[in-house]
N, C-alpha and C. Protein backbone atom coordinates (compact mmCIF):
# COMPACT_ATOMS: atom_id res chain seq x y z
N MET A 1 -14.35 29.62 -17.00
CA MET A 1 -15.13 29.65 -18.22
C MET A 1 -14.40 30.52 -19.25
N ALA A 2 -14.28 30.02 -20.46
CA ALA A 2 -13.58 30.75 -21.52
C ALA A 2 -14.45 31.87 -22.06
N VAL A 3 -13.79 32.94 -22.43
CA VAL A 3 -14.48 34.09 -23.01
C VAL A 3 -14.60 33.85 -24.51
N SER A 4 -15.82 33.92 -25.02
CA SER A 4 -15.99 33.73 -26.46
C SER A 4 -15.61 35.00 -27.19
N PRO A 5 -15.08 34.85 -28.42
CA PRO A 5 -14.70 36.05 -29.17
C PRO A 5 -15.92 36.91 -29.48
N GLN A 6 -15.68 38.20 -29.54
CA GLN A 6 -16.77 39.13 -29.85
C GLN A 6 -17.21 38.90 -31.29
N ARG A 7 -18.52 38.84 -31.48
CA ARG A 7 -19.07 38.64 -32.83
C ARG A 7 -19.81 39.90 -33.25
N PRO A 8 -19.74 40.20 -34.55
CA PRO A 8 -20.47 41.37 -35.01
C PRO A 8 -21.98 41.16 -34.90
N THR A 9 -22.68 42.24 -34.66
CA THR A 9 -24.14 42.22 -34.61
C THR A 9 -24.65 43.01 -35.81
N PRO A 10 -25.96 42.95 -36.10
CA PRO A 10 -26.48 43.76 -37.21
C PRO A 10 -26.15 45.24 -37.05
N ARG A 11 -25.98 45.68 -35.82
CA ARG A 11 -25.62 47.07 -35.55
C ARG A 11 -24.21 47.40 -36.02
N ASP A 12 -23.38 46.36 -36.19
CA ASP A 12 -21.98 46.54 -36.58
C ASP A 12 -21.74 46.48 -38.08
N VAL A 13 -22.79 46.66 -38.87
CA VAL A 13 -22.65 46.64 -40.32
C VAL A 13 -22.17 48.01 -40.79
N GLY A 14 -21.07 48.01 -41.53
CA GLY A 14 -20.50 49.26 -42.03
C GLY A 14 -21.06 49.64 -43.38
N PRO A 15 -20.49 50.66 -44.00
CA PRO A 15 -21.00 51.13 -45.29
C PRO A 15 -20.85 50.12 -46.42
N ASP A 16 -20.01 49.12 -46.22
CA ASP A 16 -19.85 48.09 -47.24
C ASP A 16 -20.84 46.95 -47.08
N GLY A 17 -21.67 47.01 -46.04
CA GLY A 17 -22.69 46.00 -45.82
C GLY A 17 -22.20 44.73 -45.15
N ILE A 18 -20.94 44.71 -44.72
CA ILE A 18 -20.36 43.53 -44.09
C ILE A 18 -20.28 43.74 -42.58
N PRO A 19 -20.86 42.82 -41.79
CA PRO A 19 -20.78 42.96 -40.33
C PRO A 19 -19.35 42.73 -39.82
N ARG A 20 -18.87 43.66 -39.04
CA ARG A 20 -17.56 43.56 -38.38
C ARG A 20 -17.72 44.16 -37.00
N ILE A 21 -16.92 43.69 -36.04
CA ILE A 21 -17.01 44.28 -34.71
C ILE A 21 -16.57 45.73 -34.79
N GLY A 22 -17.02 46.53 -33.83
CA GLY A 22 -16.78 47.97 -33.84
C GLY A 22 -15.33 48.37 -34.00
N ASP A 23 -14.42 47.65 -33.31
CA ASP A 23 -13.00 47.99 -33.41
C ASP A 23 -12.49 47.85 -34.84
N GLU A 24 -12.95 46.82 -35.53
CA GLU A 24 -12.53 46.61 -36.91
C GLU A 24 -13.11 47.69 -37.81
N GLN A 25 -14.37 48.08 -37.58
CA GLN A 25 -14.98 49.17 -38.36
C GLN A 25 -14.17 50.45 -38.16
N ARG A 26 -13.84 50.75 -36.91
CA ARG A 26 -13.07 51.97 -36.62
C ARG A 26 -11.68 51.92 -37.27
N ARG A 27 -11.06 50.73 -37.27
CA ARG A 27 -9.73 50.59 -37.89
C ARG A 27 -9.83 50.85 -39.40
N LEU A 28 -10.84 50.31 -40.04
CA LEU A 28 -11.01 50.54 -41.49
C LEU A 28 -11.33 52.01 -41.78
N ASN A 29 -12.15 52.63 -40.94
CA ASN A 29 -12.46 54.05 -41.11
C ASN A 29 -11.18 54.88 -41.02
N GLU A 30 -10.36 54.60 -40.02
CA GLU A 30 -9.10 55.33 -39.85
C GLU A 30 -8.17 55.08 -41.03
N LEU A 31 -8.10 53.84 -41.48
CA LEU A 31 -7.25 53.50 -42.61
C LEU A 31 -7.61 54.31 -43.85
N MET A 32 -8.90 54.43 -44.15
CA MET A 32 -9.32 55.22 -45.31
C MET A 32 -9.02 56.70 -45.10
N ALA A 33 -9.26 57.20 -43.88
CA ALA A 33 -9.01 58.62 -43.61
C ALA A 33 -7.52 58.95 -43.75
N VAL A 34 -6.66 58.08 -43.27
CA VAL A 34 -5.22 58.31 -43.36
C VAL A 34 -4.75 58.19 -44.81
N THR A 35 -5.27 57.21 -45.53
CA THR A 35 -4.87 56.99 -46.92
C THR A 35 -5.20 58.19 -47.80
N PHE A 36 -6.35 58.81 -47.57
CA PHE A 36 -6.78 59.93 -48.41
C PHE A 36 -6.64 61.27 -47.69
N LYS A 37 -5.66 61.37 -46.80
CA LYS A 37 -5.40 62.59 -46.04
C LYS A 37 -4.50 63.54 -46.84
N GLY A 38 -4.62 64.82 -46.57
CA GLY A 38 -3.75 65.80 -47.20
C GLY A 38 -4.17 66.15 -48.62
N GLU A 39 -3.38 67.02 -49.24
CA GLU A 39 -3.72 67.49 -50.59
C GLU A 39 -3.67 66.37 -51.62
N ALA A 40 -2.66 65.50 -51.53
CA ALA A 40 -2.54 64.41 -52.49
C ALA A 40 -3.71 63.43 -52.34
N GLY A 41 -4.08 63.11 -51.11
CA GLY A 41 -5.20 62.21 -50.87
C GLY A 41 -6.51 62.79 -51.36
N LYS A 42 -6.71 64.09 -51.11
CA LYS A 42 -7.93 64.75 -51.57
C LYS A 42 -7.98 64.77 -53.10
N ALA A 43 -6.84 65.03 -53.73
CA ALA A 43 -6.79 65.03 -55.20
C ALA A 43 -7.09 63.63 -55.75
N ALA A 44 -6.57 62.60 -55.10
CA ALA A 44 -6.83 61.22 -55.55
C ALA A 44 -8.32 60.89 -55.41
N LEU A 45 -8.92 61.26 -54.28
CA LEU A 45 -10.34 60.99 -54.07
C LEU A 45 -11.21 61.81 -55.04
N ASP A 46 -10.81 63.04 -55.30
CA ASP A 46 -11.52 63.85 -56.30
C ASP A 46 -11.47 63.20 -57.67
N TYR A 47 -10.31 62.65 -58.03
CA TYR A 47 -10.18 61.94 -59.30
C TYR A 47 -11.11 60.73 -59.34
N LEU A 48 -11.12 59.94 -58.27
CA LEU A 48 -11.99 58.76 -58.23
C LEU A 48 -13.47 59.15 -58.34
N ARG A 49 -13.83 60.26 -57.69
CA ARG A 49 -15.21 60.75 -57.82
C ARG A 49 -15.52 61.16 -59.26
N SER A 50 -14.55 61.81 -59.90
CA SER A 50 -14.78 62.31 -61.26
C SER A 50 -14.99 61.19 -62.27
N ILE A 51 -14.36 60.03 -62.05
CA ILE A 51 -14.52 58.93 -62.99
C ILE A 51 -15.61 57.95 -62.58
N SER A 52 -16.28 58.25 -61.47
CA SER A 52 -17.32 57.33 -61.00
C SER A 52 -18.61 58.07 -60.68
N ILE A 53 -18.68 58.69 -59.54
CA ILE A 53 -19.90 59.32 -59.06
C ILE A 53 -20.36 60.45 -59.98
N GLU A 54 -19.43 61.24 -60.50
CA GLU A 54 -19.80 62.40 -61.32
C GLU A 54 -19.92 62.06 -62.80
N ARG A 55 -19.64 60.83 -63.16
CA ARG A 55 -19.70 60.43 -64.58
C ARG A 55 -21.14 60.11 -64.98
N VAL A 56 -21.50 60.54 -66.16
CA VAL A 56 -22.84 60.31 -66.69
C VAL A 56 -22.72 59.50 -67.97
N CYS A 57 -23.53 58.47 -68.08
CA CYS A 57 -23.56 57.66 -69.30
C CYS A 57 -24.78 58.04 -70.12
N GLY A 58 -24.63 57.99 -71.40
CA GLY A 58 -25.75 58.27 -72.29
C GLY A 58 -26.64 57.06 -72.48
N PRO A 59 -27.67 57.22 -73.29
CA PRO A 59 -28.62 56.12 -73.51
C PRO A 59 -28.00 54.92 -74.24
N GLY A 60 -26.86 55.10 -74.85
CA GLY A 60 -26.22 54.01 -75.57
C GLY A 60 -25.34 53.12 -74.71
N ALA A 61 -25.28 53.40 -73.40
CA ALA A 61 -24.42 52.61 -72.51
C ALA A 61 -24.97 51.19 -72.38
N SER A 62 -24.08 50.24 -72.45
CA SER A 62 -24.50 48.84 -72.32
C SER A 62 -24.76 48.49 -70.85
N ASP A 63 -25.42 47.37 -70.65
CA ASP A 63 -25.67 46.87 -69.30
C ASP A 63 -24.34 46.67 -68.57
N ALA A 64 -23.36 46.12 -69.25
CA ALA A 64 -22.05 45.87 -68.64
C ALA A 64 -21.38 47.18 -68.24
N GLU A 65 -21.45 48.20 -69.10
CA GLU A 65 -20.86 49.51 -68.77
C GLU A 65 -21.52 50.10 -67.53
N LEU A 66 -22.84 50.02 -67.46
CA LEU A 66 -23.57 50.57 -66.31
C LEU A 66 -23.24 49.83 -65.02
N ARG A 67 -23.13 48.51 -65.10
CA ARG A 67 -22.78 47.72 -63.92
C ARG A 67 -21.36 48.04 -63.44
N HIS A 68 -20.47 48.17 -64.39
CA HIS A 68 -19.08 48.51 -64.06
C HIS A 68 -19.02 49.87 -63.37
N LEU A 69 -19.69 50.84 -63.93
CA LEU A 69 -19.71 52.19 -63.36
C LEU A 69 -20.35 52.18 -61.97
N GLU A 70 -21.43 51.43 -61.81
CA GLU A 70 -22.09 51.38 -60.51
C GLU A 70 -21.18 50.75 -59.46
N GLY A 71 -20.40 49.76 -59.84
CA GLY A 71 -19.42 49.17 -58.91
C GLY A 71 -18.38 50.19 -58.49
N MET A 72 -17.90 50.99 -59.45
CA MET A 72 -16.92 52.03 -59.11
C MET A 72 -17.55 53.05 -58.17
N ARG A 73 -18.77 53.44 -58.44
CA ARG A 73 -19.47 54.41 -57.58
C ARG A 73 -19.63 53.87 -56.17
N TYR A 74 -19.96 52.60 -56.08
CA TYR A 74 -20.14 51.95 -54.78
C TYR A 74 -18.84 52.02 -53.96
N LEU A 75 -17.72 51.66 -54.60
CA LEU A 75 -16.44 51.69 -53.88
C LEU A 75 -16.06 53.10 -53.42
N VAL A 76 -16.24 54.09 -54.28
CA VAL A 76 -15.93 55.47 -53.90
C VAL A 76 -16.86 55.92 -52.77
N GLY A 77 -18.12 55.50 -52.83
CA GLY A 77 -19.06 55.82 -51.76
C GLY A 77 -18.65 55.20 -50.43
N VAL A 78 -18.21 53.95 -50.45
CA VAL A 78 -17.76 53.28 -49.22
C VAL A 78 -16.55 54.02 -48.64
N ILE A 79 -15.60 54.35 -49.48
CA ILE A 79 -14.41 55.08 -49.03
C ILE A 79 -14.82 56.41 -48.40
N SER A 80 -15.67 57.16 -49.08
CA SER A 80 -16.11 58.47 -48.59
C SER A 80 -16.86 58.35 -47.26
N GLN A 81 -17.73 57.34 -47.14
CA GLN A 81 -18.48 57.16 -45.90
C GLN A 81 -17.56 56.77 -44.75
N ARG A 82 -16.56 55.95 -45.01
CA ARG A 82 -15.61 55.56 -43.96
C ARG A 82 -14.79 56.77 -43.50
N ILE A 83 -14.37 57.60 -44.44
CA ILE A 83 -13.62 58.81 -44.08
C ILE A 83 -14.50 59.72 -43.22
N ALA A 84 -15.74 59.92 -43.63
CA ALA A 84 -16.66 60.77 -42.87
C ALA A 84 -16.91 60.21 -41.47
N ALA A 85 -17.05 58.88 -41.36
CA ALA A 85 -17.28 58.26 -40.04
C ALA A 85 -16.07 58.48 -39.14
N HIS A 86 -14.88 58.38 -39.70
CA HIS A 86 -13.66 58.62 -38.90
C HIS A 86 -13.61 60.07 -38.42
N HIS A 87 -13.91 61.01 -39.31
CA HIS A 87 -13.89 62.42 -38.92
C HIS A 87 -14.95 62.72 -37.86
N ARG A 88 -16.14 62.13 -37.98
CA ARG A 88 -17.18 62.31 -36.95
C ARG A 88 -16.69 61.79 -35.61
N ARG A 89 -16.08 60.63 -35.63
CA ARG A 89 -15.59 60.03 -34.38
C ARG A 89 -14.51 60.90 -33.74
N MET A 90 -13.62 61.43 -34.56
CA MET A 90 -12.56 62.29 -34.02
C MET A 90 -13.14 63.59 -33.48
N ASN A 91 -14.13 64.16 -34.17
CA ASN A 91 -14.77 65.38 -33.70
C ASN A 91 -15.54 65.13 -32.41
N ASP A 92 -16.21 63.98 -32.32
CA ASP A 92 -16.97 63.63 -31.12
C ASP A 92 -16.06 63.38 -29.93
N ALA A 93 -14.82 62.96 -30.19
CA ALA A 93 -13.89 62.65 -29.11
C ALA A 93 -13.20 63.89 -28.56
N ARG A 94 -13.34 65.01 -29.22
CA ARG A 94 -12.69 66.24 -28.76
C ARG A 94 -13.36 66.75 -27.50
N PRO A 95 -12.57 67.30 -26.57
CA PRO A 95 -13.16 67.89 -25.36
C PRO A 95 -14.13 69.00 -25.74
N GLY A 96 -15.26 69.04 -25.04
CA GLY A 96 -16.24 70.08 -25.29
C GLY A 96 -17.21 69.75 -26.40
N SER A 97 -17.05 68.57 -27.01
CA SER A 97 -17.97 68.18 -28.07
C SER A 97 -19.34 67.92 -27.48
N GLU A 98 -20.36 68.39 -28.17
CA GLU A 98 -21.72 68.20 -27.69
C GLU A 98 -22.33 66.90 -28.19
N HIS A 99 -21.65 66.20 -29.10
CA HIS A 99 -22.17 64.98 -29.68
C HIS A 99 -21.71 63.78 -28.88
N THR A 100 -22.46 62.71 -28.96
CA THR A 100 -22.01 61.48 -28.34
C THR A 100 -21.27 60.67 -29.40
N THR A 101 -20.34 59.86 -28.96
CA THR A 101 -19.57 59.05 -29.88
C THR A 101 -20.44 57.97 -30.49
N ARG A 102 -20.37 57.83 -31.79
CA ARG A 102 -21.14 56.81 -32.49
C ARG A 102 -20.35 55.51 -32.48
N PRO A 103 -21.02 54.36 -32.59
CA PRO A 103 -20.33 53.08 -32.53
C PRO A 103 -19.42 52.80 -33.70
N VAL A 104 -19.64 53.40 -34.86
CA VAL A 104 -18.79 53.13 -36.03
C VAL A 104 -18.06 54.38 -36.40
């Protein structure tokens, strides 16, 4: 009997809202953590936060401007959540950790 490929379940939905199997979620989390690692990576992520999450629009902002800004905020949020998930997983994997490893 052939083994069917693993399919994502609702439990396998990552911060971007797209179902992926756990290994793929972990690979993306690691990719974001490595990309924004070190002083240069932190500075780049701080810059992205400053032009998105920390930006405030006044009452004169158009619908298009607000939608554009919200999209930027969403992407920075996904990146930040993936980095945090990777760090949690690495901390949980350390000997003596009191936490259990999370699936993502």
